[in-house]
N, C-alpha and C. Protein backbone atom coordinates (compact mmCIF):
# COMPACT_ATOMS: atom_id res chain seq x y z
N MET A 1 0.83 -1.18 0.00
CA MET A 1 0.00 0.00 0.00
C MET A 1 0.88 1.25 0.00
N THR A 2 0.42 2.25 -0.71
CA THR A 2 1.09 3.54 -0.73
C THR A 2 0.35 4.50 0.19
N VAL A 3 1.10 5.18 1.05
CA VAL A 3 0.50 6.09 2.02
C VAL A 3 0.89 7.52 1.68
N PHE A 4 -0.11 8.39 1.56
CA PHE A 4 0.11 9.81 1.31
C PHE A 4 -0.41 10.59 2.51
N PHE A 5 0.35 11.60 2.93
CA PHE A 5 -0.04 12.44 4.06
C PHE A 5 -0.52 13.79 3.55
N SER A 6 -1.61 14.29 4.12
CA SER A 6 -2.09 15.63 3.77
C SER A 6 -1.15 16.66 4.39
N ARG A 7 -1.25 17.87 3.91
CA ARG A 7 -0.41 18.95 4.43
C ARG A 7 -0.66 19.20 5.91
N SER A 8 -1.93 19.16 6.30
CA SER A 8 -2.28 19.42 7.70
C SER A 8 -1.77 18.30 8.62
N SER A 9 -1.79 17.06 8.16
CA SER A 9 -1.29 15.97 8.99
C SER A 9 0.23 16.06 9.17
N LEU A 10 0.94 16.43 8.13
CA LEU A 10 2.39 16.61 8.25
C LEU A 10 2.73 17.76 9.18
N LYS A 11 1.97 18.82 9.10
CA LYS A 11 2.17 19.98 9.96
C LYS A 11 1.97 19.59 11.43
N TYR A 12 0.95 18.79 11.70
CA TYR A 12 0.69 18.35 13.06
C TYR A 12 1.80 17.45 13.58
N LEU A 13 2.30 16.55 12.72
CA LEU A 13 3.37 15.64 13.13
C LEU A 13 4.65 16.41 13.50
N LYS A 14 4.93 17.49 12.79
CA LYS A 14 6.13 18.29 13.07
C LYS A 14 6.07 18.95 14.44
N LYS A 15 4.88 19.20 14.95
CA LYS A 15 4.71 19.85 16.25
C LYS A 15 4.94 18.88 17.41
N LEU A 16 4.80 17.59 17.14
CA LEU A 16 4.85 16.58 18.20
C LEU A 16 6.29 16.24 18.58
N GLU A 17 6.41 15.60 19.73
CA GLU A 17 7.69 15.05 20.17
C GLU A 17 8.10 13.96 19.17
N LEU A 18 9.39 13.83 18.91
CA LEU A 18 9.89 12.91 17.89
C LEU A 18 9.43 11.47 18.11
N LYS A 19 9.49 11.01 19.35
CA LYS A 19 9.09 9.63 19.66
C LYS A 19 7.62 9.38 19.32
N THR A 20 6.76 10.32 19.66
CA THR A 20 5.33 10.20 19.38
C THR A 20 5.06 10.26 17.88
N ALA A 21 5.74 11.17 17.20
CA ALA A 21 5.55 11.31 15.74
C ALA A 21 5.97 10.03 15.03
N LYS A 22 7.07 9.42 15.44
CA LYS A 22 7.52 8.17 14.82
C LYS A 22 6.50 7.06 15.02
N LYS A 23 5.92 7.00 16.21
CA LYS A 23 4.91 5.99 16.52
C LYS A 23 3.69 6.15 15.61
N LEU A 24 3.26 7.39 15.42
CA LEU A 24 2.10 7.65 14.57
C LEU A 24 2.39 7.35 13.10
N VAL A 25 3.58 7.70 12.63
CA VAL A 25 3.95 7.43 11.24
C VAL A 25 4.04 5.93 10.99
N GLU A 26 4.61 5.19 11.93
CA GLU A 26 4.67 3.73 11.81
C GLU A 26 3.28 3.12 11.71
N ALA A 27 2.36 3.62 12.53
CA ALA A 27 0.99 3.12 12.51
C ALA A 27 0.34 3.41 11.16
N CYS A 28 0.62 4.58 10.59
CA CYS A 28 0.06 4.94 9.28
C CYS A 28 0.62 4.04 8.18
N GLU A 29 1.90 3.72 8.26
CA GLU A 29 2.53 2.88 7.24
C GLU A 29 2.04 1.44 7.30
N ASN A 30 1.55 1.00 8.47
CA ASN A 30 1.05 -0.37 8.61
C ASN A 30 -0.44 -0.50 8.32
N LEU A 31 -1.08 0.59 7.94
CA LEU A 31 -2.51 0.53 7.60
C LEU A 31 -2.71 -0.32 6.37
N PRO A 32 -3.78 -0.98 6.20
CA PRO A 32 -4.95 -1.14 7.06
C PRO A 32 -4.83 -2.33 7.97
N GLY A 33 -3.66 -2.64 8.41
CA GLY A 33 -3.38 -3.81 9.25
C GLY A 33 -4.02 -3.79 10.61
N GLU A 34 -3.21 -4.02 11.62
CA GLU A 34 -3.71 -4.15 12.97
C GLU A 34 -4.09 -2.81 13.56
N GLY A 35 -4.71 -2.90 14.69
CA GLY A 35 -5.09 -1.69 15.40
C GLY A 35 -6.59 -1.52 15.43
N ASP A 36 -7.00 -0.50 16.12
CA ASP A 36 -8.42 -0.20 16.28
C ASP A 36 -8.86 0.68 15.11
N VAL A 37 -9.20 0.04 13.99
CA VAL A 37 -9.65 0.75 12.79
C VAL A 37 -11.15 0.55 12.66
N ARG A 38 -11.86 1.66 12.52
CA ARG A 38 -13.31 1.60 12.34
C ARG A 38 -13.74 2.59 11.27
N LYS A 39 -14.86 2.32 10.68
CA LYS A 39 -15.43 3.23 9.70
C LYS A 39 -15.91 4.49 10.41
N TYR A 40 -15.62 5.65 9.82
CA TYR A 40 -16.00 6.94 10.39
C TYR A 40 -17.49 7.16 10.16
N LYS A 41 -18.22 7.42 11.23
CA LYS A 41 -19.65 7.66 11.13
C LYS A 41 -19.89 9.15 11.00
N GLY A 42 -20.69 9.53 10.05
CA GLY A 42 -20.96 10.95 9.82
C GLY A 42 -20.14 11.45 8.65
N GLY A 43 -20.43 12.63 8.23
CA GLY A 43 -19.71 13.19 7.09
C GLY A 43 -20.32 12.74 5.78
N SER A 44 -19.90 13.35 4.71
CA SER A 44 -20.49 13.05 3.40
C SER A 44 -19.69 12.02 2.61
N VAL A 45 -18.41 11.83 2.92
CA VAL A 45 -17.60 10.85 2.20
C VAL A 45 -17.78 9.49 2.85
N LYS A 46 -17.99 8.47 2.02
CA LYS A 46 -18.37 7.16 2.55
C LYS A 46 -17.19 6.29 2.97
N ASN A 47 -16.04 6.47 2.39
CA ASN A 47 -14.94 5.54 2.69
C ASN A 47 -13.87 6.15 3.60
N ILE A 48 -14.28 6.90 4.62
CA ILE A 48 -13.35 7.45 5.60
C ILE A 48 -13.31 6.50 6.80
N PHE A 49 -12.10 6.22 7.26
CA PHE A 49 -11.90 5.36 8.41
C PHE A 49 -11.09 6.12 9.45
N ARG A 50 -11.11 5.62 10.69
CA ARG A 50 -10.29 6.21 11.73
C ARG A 50 -9.51 5.13 12.44
N LEU A 51 -8.29 5.48 12.79
CA LEU A 51 -7.42 4.60 13.57
C LEU A 51 -7.23 5.23 14.94
N ARG A 52 -7.45 4.46 15.98
CA ARG A 52 -7.25 4.95 17.35
C ARG A 52 -5.90 4.45 17.83
N LEU A 53 -5.08 5.37 18.28
CA LEU A 53 -3.76 5.04 18.80
C LEU A 53 -3.54 5.84 20.07
N GLY A 54 -3.93 5.25 21.20
CA GLY A 54 -3.86 5.97 22.48
C GLY A 54 -4.81 7.14 22.48
N LYS A 55 -4.30 8.34 22.77
CA LYS A 55 -5.16 9.52 22.77
C LYS A 55 -5.26 10.17 21.40
N TYR A 56 -4.56 9.61 20.41
CA TYR A 56 -4.55 10.18 19.06
C TYR A 56 -5.50 9.43 18.14
N ARG A 57 -6.02 10.16 17.17
CA ARG A 57 -6.88 9.59 16.14
C ARG A 57 -6.31 9.98 14.78
N ILE A 58 -6.39 9.04 13.84
CA ILE A 58 -5.92 9.28 12.48
C ILE A 58 -7.10 9.02 11.55
N LEU A 59 -7.51 10.04 10.81
CA LEU A 59 -8.58 9.87 9.82
C LEU A 59 -7.93 9.63 8.46
N PHE A 60 -8.41 8.61 7.75
CA PHE A 60 -7.82 8.29 6.46
C PHE A 60 -8.86 7.75 5.50
N ILE A 61 -8.52 7.83 4.21
CA ILE A 61 -9.35 7.27 3.15
C ILE A 61 -8.59 6.08 2.57
N LYS A 62 -9.29 4.97 2.43
CA LYS A 62 -8.70 3.76 1.87
C LYS A 62 -9.31 3.56 0.48
N ASP A 63 -8.46 3.54 -0.54
CA ASP A 63 -8.94 3.39 -1.91
C ASP A 63 -8.01 2.45 -2.66
N LYS A 64 -8.42 1.22 -2.85
CA LYS A 64 -7.65 0.17 -3.52
C LYS A 64 -6.24 0.06 -2.94
N GLU A 65 -5.22 0.57 -3.61
CA GLU A 65 -3.83 0.44 -3.17
C GLU A 65 -3.29 1.74 -2.59
N ILE A 66 -4.14 2.72 -2.33
CA ILE A 66 -3.70 4.03 -1.84
C ILE A 66 -4.41 4.35 -0.52
N ILE A 67 -3.64 4.85 0.43
CA ILE A 67 -4.21 5.34 1.69
C ILE A 67 -3.82 6.79 1.82
N LYS A 68 -4.80 7.65 1.99
CA LYS A 68 -4.58 9.09 2.13
C LYS A 68 -4.89 9.48 3.56
N ILE A 69 -3.87 9.93 4.29
CA ILE A 69 -4.05 10.37 5.67
C ILE A 69 -4.61 11.79 5.62
N LEU A 70 -5.82 11.97 6.12
CA LEU A 70 -6.48 13.26 6.06
C LEU A 70 -6.10 14.16 7.24
N LYS A 71 -6.16 13.58 8.45
CA LYS A 71 -5.96 14.41 9.63
C LYS A 71 -5.45 13.54 10.78
N ILE A 72 -4.56 14.11 11.57
CA ILE A 72 -4.06 13.47 12.79
C ILE A 72 -4.25 14.49 13.91
N ASP A 73 -4.85 14.06 15.00
CA ASP A 73 -5.06 14.97 16.12
C ASP A 73 -5.44 14.16 17.36
N THR A 74 -5.65 14.83 18.46
CA THR A 74 -6.07 14.16 19.69
C THR A 74 -7.57 13.86 19.62
N ARG A 75 -8.00 13.02 20.50
CA ARG A 75 -9.39 12.56 20.50
C ARG A 75 -10.39 13.71 20.56
N GLY A 76 -10.14 14.70 21.38
CA GLY A 76 -11.09 15.78 21.56
C GLY A 76 -11.14 16.75 20.40
N ASP A 77 -10.07 16.84 19.61
CA ASP A 77 -9.98 17.84 18.57
C ASP A 77 -10.16 17.31 17.14
N ILE A 78 -10.06 16.03 16.95
CA ILE A 78 -10.07 15.48 15.59
C ILE A 78 -11.40 15.66 14.89
N TYR A 79 -12.49 15.61 15.62
CA TYR A 79 -13.80 15.65 15.00
C TYR A 79 -14.37 17.05 14.87
N LYS A 80 -13.65 18.04 15.36
CA LYS A 80 -14.08 19.43 15.18
C LYS A 80 -13.71 19.87 13.79
N LYS A 81 -14.49 20.76 13.24
CA LYS A 81 -14.22 21.22 11.87
C LYS A 81 -13.38 22.44 11.85
């Protein structure tokens, strides 16, 4: 699978501590493998999923051989627009 990061997700990763950012990037590269992955409820796009990794959430779109990371943030802030 090929993983692409949105500009906002890369910007958020740069703000984090290096150890935490590496953990999140590794989790993104292993998608759609293990972990707490569920379909995102709500919104207008049908194929959005979320990965839960501790207090962080990763929203992504899965399309055949491509995974597009839309947003990375904490649990309380990820679902705000």
